[in-house]
Amino acid sequence: MKEENLKEKLAKFKKRPLSWSSISQFRYDPGVWYDKYILGNKSRPNGPIVFGKNVGDRLASETDFLPEVPRLKEYEHELLVKVGKIQCIGFLDNFDLENRAFSEFKTGKNWTQEKANTHGQIDLYAAMIYLKYGIKPEDLTISLIWLPTEEQQDFRTDFVKDMKPVIFPIKKTMRDILTMMVEVQRIHKEMLDYIRSK
């Protein structure tokens, strides 16, 4: 395959909306981010990621699956808005515009109230809701719903025994979302600089 030149890579990057997964991957490992989002080398998703996606799909389509998990009106609500000049995209796991509420489902382990409070995805989505609908974060009902999982002896991921969802209520402020908007600008510039350095 022909190697793309710098101009083509930058054009591809600028054309694609910025997502939380892209931001978090870049924060964690710029090299892996570059390989995935710029060069297009997709790695096979691991077991926990596949399991989490399947859980989300079932929550959206099967009302009798985990009925104890609170559900809002709409699943996978798409947000496509500009933060400054940067096009951003997000998909709210659960959303209710009329009642000004959204929630995110998380599997895995070691979620705490503090971790939920500081999870950047929530700040980004609250900022995008404000930009699209004019709803201040103080007027949103936000929750992160954790469904604890563990790795089994055969390396499968599954819910912990007698799993009960843990609901973390989250409060955000205008300051939080303004900080996130600045962070989007900063990290977008870092991504551009990284691409130019390769």
Protein backbone atom coordinates (compact mmCIF):
# COMPACT_ATOMS: atom_id res chain seq x y z
CA MET A 1 0.00 0.00 0.00
CA LYS A 2 1.31 3.43 -0.92
CA GLU A 3 2.45 5.48 2.07
CA GLU A 4 0.35 8.62 2.46
CA ASN A 5 2.21 11.90 2.51
CA LEU A 6 1.93 14.39 5.35
CA LYS A 7 -0.62 16.53 3.53
CA GLU A 8 -2.94 13.54 3.02
CA LYS A 9 -2.59 12.46 6.65
CA LEU A 10 -3.42 15.94 7.93
CA ALA A 11 -6.41 16.17 5.57
CA LYS A 12 -7.70 12.80 6.78
CA PHE A 13 -7.29 13.84 10.42
CA LYS A 14 -9.05 17.20 9.96
CA LYS A 15 -11.93 15.57 8.10
CA ARG A 16 -12.69 13.03 10.82
CA PRO A 17 -14.69 14.28 13.84
CA LEU A 18 -12.84 14.07 17.15
CA SER A 19 -14.24 11.46 19.54
CA TRP A 20 -13.68 10.66 23.19
CA SER A 21 -12.10 7.32 22.25
CA SER A 22 -9.58 9.17 20.07
CA ILE A 23 -8.79 11.66 22.84
CA SER A 24 -8.36 8.96 25.49
CA GLN A 25 -6.21 6.81 23.20
CA PHE A 26 -3.94 9.76 22.41
CA ARG A 27 -3.59 10.56 26.11
CA TYR A 28 -2.70 6.94 26.86
CA ASP A 29 -0.33 6.26 23.96
CA PRO A 30 0.19 8.67 21.03
CA GLY A 31 1.99 5.99 19.02
CA VAL A 32 -0.91 3.54 19.22
CA TRP A 33 -3.32 6.42 18.48
CA TYR A 34 -1.34 7.33 15.36
CA ASP A 35 -1.26 3.73 14.17
CA LYS A 36 -5.02 3.34 14.65
CA TYR A 37 -6.52 6.72 13.76
CA ILE A 38 -4.07 8.03 11.15
CA LEU A 39 -2.62 4.91 9.53
CA GLY A 40 -5.88 2.98 9.88
CA ASN A 41 -4.34 -0.15 11.38
CA LYS A 42 -7.21 -1.52 13.44
CA SER A 43 -6.36 -3.99 16.17
CA ARG A 44 -8.74 -6.76 17.10
CA PRO A 45 -10.87 -5.70 20.10
CA ASN A 46 -10.11 -7.58 23.30
CA GLY A 47 -12.56 -9.68 25.30
CA PRO A 48 -13.62 -7.00 27.81
CA ILE A 49 -14.31 -4.47 25.03
CA VAL A 50 -16.39 -6.98 23.06
CA PHE A 51 -18.27 -7.96 26.22
CA GLY A 52 -18.99 -4.32 27.09
CA LYS A 53 -20.31 -3.61 23.59
CA ASN A 54 -22.56 -6.67 23.71
CA VAL A 55 -23.96 -5.57 27.07
CA GLY A 56 -24.72 -2.11 25.68
CA ASP A 57 -26.44 -3.60 22.64
CA ARG A 58 -28.59 -5.86 24.81
CA LEU A 59 -29.56 -3.05 27.18
CA ALA A 60 -30.75 -1.11 24.14
CA SER A 61 -32.73 -3.93 22.55
CA GLU A 62 -33.90 -6.27 25.32
CA THR A 63 -36.15 -4.78 28.00
CA ASP A 64 -35.92 -7.95 30.12
CA PHE A 65 -32.11 -7.92 30.15
CA LEU A 66 -30.86 -6.54 33.48
CA PRO A 67 -34.21 -4.90 34.29
CA GLU A 68 -32.67 -3.38 37.43
CA VAL A 69 -30.54 -1.08 35.25
CA PRO A 70 -32.25 2.34 34.88
CA ARG A 71 -33.08 3.20 31.30
CA LEU A 72 -33.82 6.55 29.69
CA LYS A 73 -35.75 7.24 26.49
CA GLU A 74 -33.04 7.00 23.85
CA TYR A 75 -29.98 4.84 23.26
CA GLU A 76 -26.81 5.81 21.41
CA HIS A 77 -27.94 9.39 20.87
CA GLU A 78 -25.54 10.99 18.39
CA LEU A 79 -24.00 14.37 19.14
CA LEU A 80 -22.15 16.10 16.31
CA VAL A 81 -21.11 19.62 17.27
CA LYS A 82 -18.20 22.00 16.89
CA VAL A 83 -16.07 22.88 19.88
CA GLY A 84 -14.62 26.09 18.54
CA LYS A 85 -13.59 25.08 15.02
CA ILE A 86 -13.15 21.41 15.89
CA GLN A 87 -15.89 19.00 14.86
CA CYS A 88 -16.57 16.54 17.67
CA ILE A 89 -18.72 13.43 17.77
CA GLY A 90 -20.17 11.44 20.64
CA PHE A 91 -22.80 8.81 21.27
CA LEU A 92 -24.67 9.03 24.57
CA ASP A 93 -25.41 5.56 25.90
CA ASN A 94 -28.73 6.76 27.32
CA PHE A 95 -30.39 10.15 26.83
CA ASP A 96 -33.61 11.97 27.67
CA LEU A 97 -33.69 15.48 26.20
CA GLU A 98 -37.07 16.41 27.67
CA ASN A 99 -35.97 15.56 31.21
CA ARG A 100 -32.40 16.77 30.66
CA ALA A 101 -30.70 13.53 31.63
CA PHE A 102 -28.01 11.24 30.30
CA SER A 103 -26.15 8.22 31.58
CA GLU A 104 -23.19 6.15 30.52
CA PHE A 105 -22.89 2.40 31.05
CA LYS A 106 -19.53 0.98 32.09
CA THR A 107 -18.39 -2.60 32.61
CA GLY A 108 -15.00 -3.61 33.98
CA LYS A 109 -13.73 -3.20 37.51
CA ASN A 110 -12.52 -0.59 39.98
CA TRP A 111 -15.01 2.18 39.22
CA THR A 112 -15.47 4.55 42.14
CA GLN A 113 -17.42 7.76 42.69
CA GLU A 114 -14.20 9.76 42.38
CA LYS A 115 -13.27 8.03 39.11
CA ALA A 116 -16.78 8.66 37.75
CA ASN A 117 -16.63 12.32 38.81
CA THR A 118 -13.37 12.88 36.95
CA HIS A 119 -14.06 10.79 33.85
CA GLY A 120 -13.40 13.13 30.92
CA GLN A 121 -16.01 11.53 28.67
CA ILE A 122 -18.73 12.93 30.95
CA ASP A 123 -17.27 16.44 30.73
CA LEU A 124 -17.02 16.22 26.95
CA TYR A 125 -20.61 15.01 26.55
CA ALA A 126 -21.93 17.64 28.94
CA ALA A 127 -20.08 20.28 26.91
CA MET A 128 -21.50 18.94 23.65
CA ILE A 129 -25.04 18.89 25.08
CA TYR A 130 -24.62 22.51 26.11
CA LEU A 131 -23.35 23.50 22.67
CA LYS A 132 -26.12 21.64 20.83
CA TYR A 133 -29.13 22.14 23.10
CA GLY A 134 -28.15 25.07 25.33
CA ILE A 135 -28.64 23.02 28.52
CA LYS A 136 -26.27 24.08 31.27
CA PRO A 137 -24.47 21.19 33.00
CA GLU A 138 -25.94 22.28 36.34
CA ASP A 139 -29.39 21.51 34.88
CA LEU A 140 -28.46 18.00 33.74
CA THR A 141 -29.10 14.79 35.63
CA ILE A 142 -25.99 12.73 34.92
CA SER A 143 -25.12 9.24 36.04
CA LEU A 144 -22.46 6.65 35.34
CA ILE A 145 -23.89 3.15 35.74
CA TRP A 146 -21.25 0.55 36.52
CA LEU A 147 -21.93 -3.15 35.86
CA PRO A 148 -19.00 -4.89 37.62
CA THR A 149 -17.25 -7.63 35.63
CA GLU A 150 -14.31 -9.96 36.12
CA GLU A 151 -12.17 -12.27 34.04
CA GLN A 152 -13.12 -15.94 34.40
CA GLN A 153 -10.67 -18.86 34.61
CA ASP A 154 -11.17 -19.54 30.90
CA PHE A 155 -10.26 -15.88 30.15
CA ARG A 156 -13.87 -14.94 29.36
CA THR A 157 -15.22 -11.68 30.74
CA ASP A 158 -18.46 -11.95 32.69
CA PHE A 159 -20.41 -10.19 35.41
CA VAL A 160 -19.27 -10.74 38.98
CA LYS A 161 -21.42 -13.17 40.95
CA ASP A 162 -24.74 -11.63 42.07
CA MET A 163 -23.90 -8.49 40.09
CA LYS A 164 -25.84 -5.39 41.05
CA PRO A 165 -25.49 -2.14 39.10
CA VAL A 166 -23.76 0.69 40.93
CA ILE A 167 -25.12 4.11 40.05
CA PHE A 168 -22.79 7.07 40.48
CA PRO A 169 -24.61 10.42 40.30
CA ILE A 170 -22.40 13.11 38.78
CA LYS A 171 -22.58 16.90 39.00
CA LYS A 172 -20.92 19.14 36.43
CA THR A 173 -20.54 22.92 36.20
CA MET A 174 -19.98 25.45 33.44
CA ARG A 175 -16.39 25.66 34.63
CA ASP A 176 -15.96 21.92 34.06
CA ILE A 177 -17.20 22.06 30.49
CA LEU A 178 -15.27 25.23 29.64
CA THR A 179 -12.14 23.47 30.92
CA MET A 180 -12.96 20.51 28.66
CA MET A 181 -13.47 22.80 25.65
CA VAL A 182 -9.98 24.24 26.24
CA GLU A 183 -8.63 20.70 26.58
CA VAL A 184 -10.19 19.72 23.23
CA GLN A 185 -8.38 22.63 21.58
CA ARG A 186 -5.10 21.75 23.29
CA ILE A 187 -5.15 18.04 22.52
CA HIS A 188 -6.25 18.64 18.93
CA LYS A 189 -3.15 20.82 18.46
CA GLU A 190 -0.97 18.16 20.07
CA MET A 191 -2.41 15.58 17.66
CA LEU A 192 -1.60 17.81 14.69
CA ASP A 193 1.93 18.39 15.98
CA TYR A 194 2.38 14.65 16.50
CA ILE A 195 1.28 13.86 12.94
CA ARG A 196 3.71 16.48 11.59
CA SER A 197 6.53 14.96 13.63
CA LYS A 198 6.17 11.50 12.08
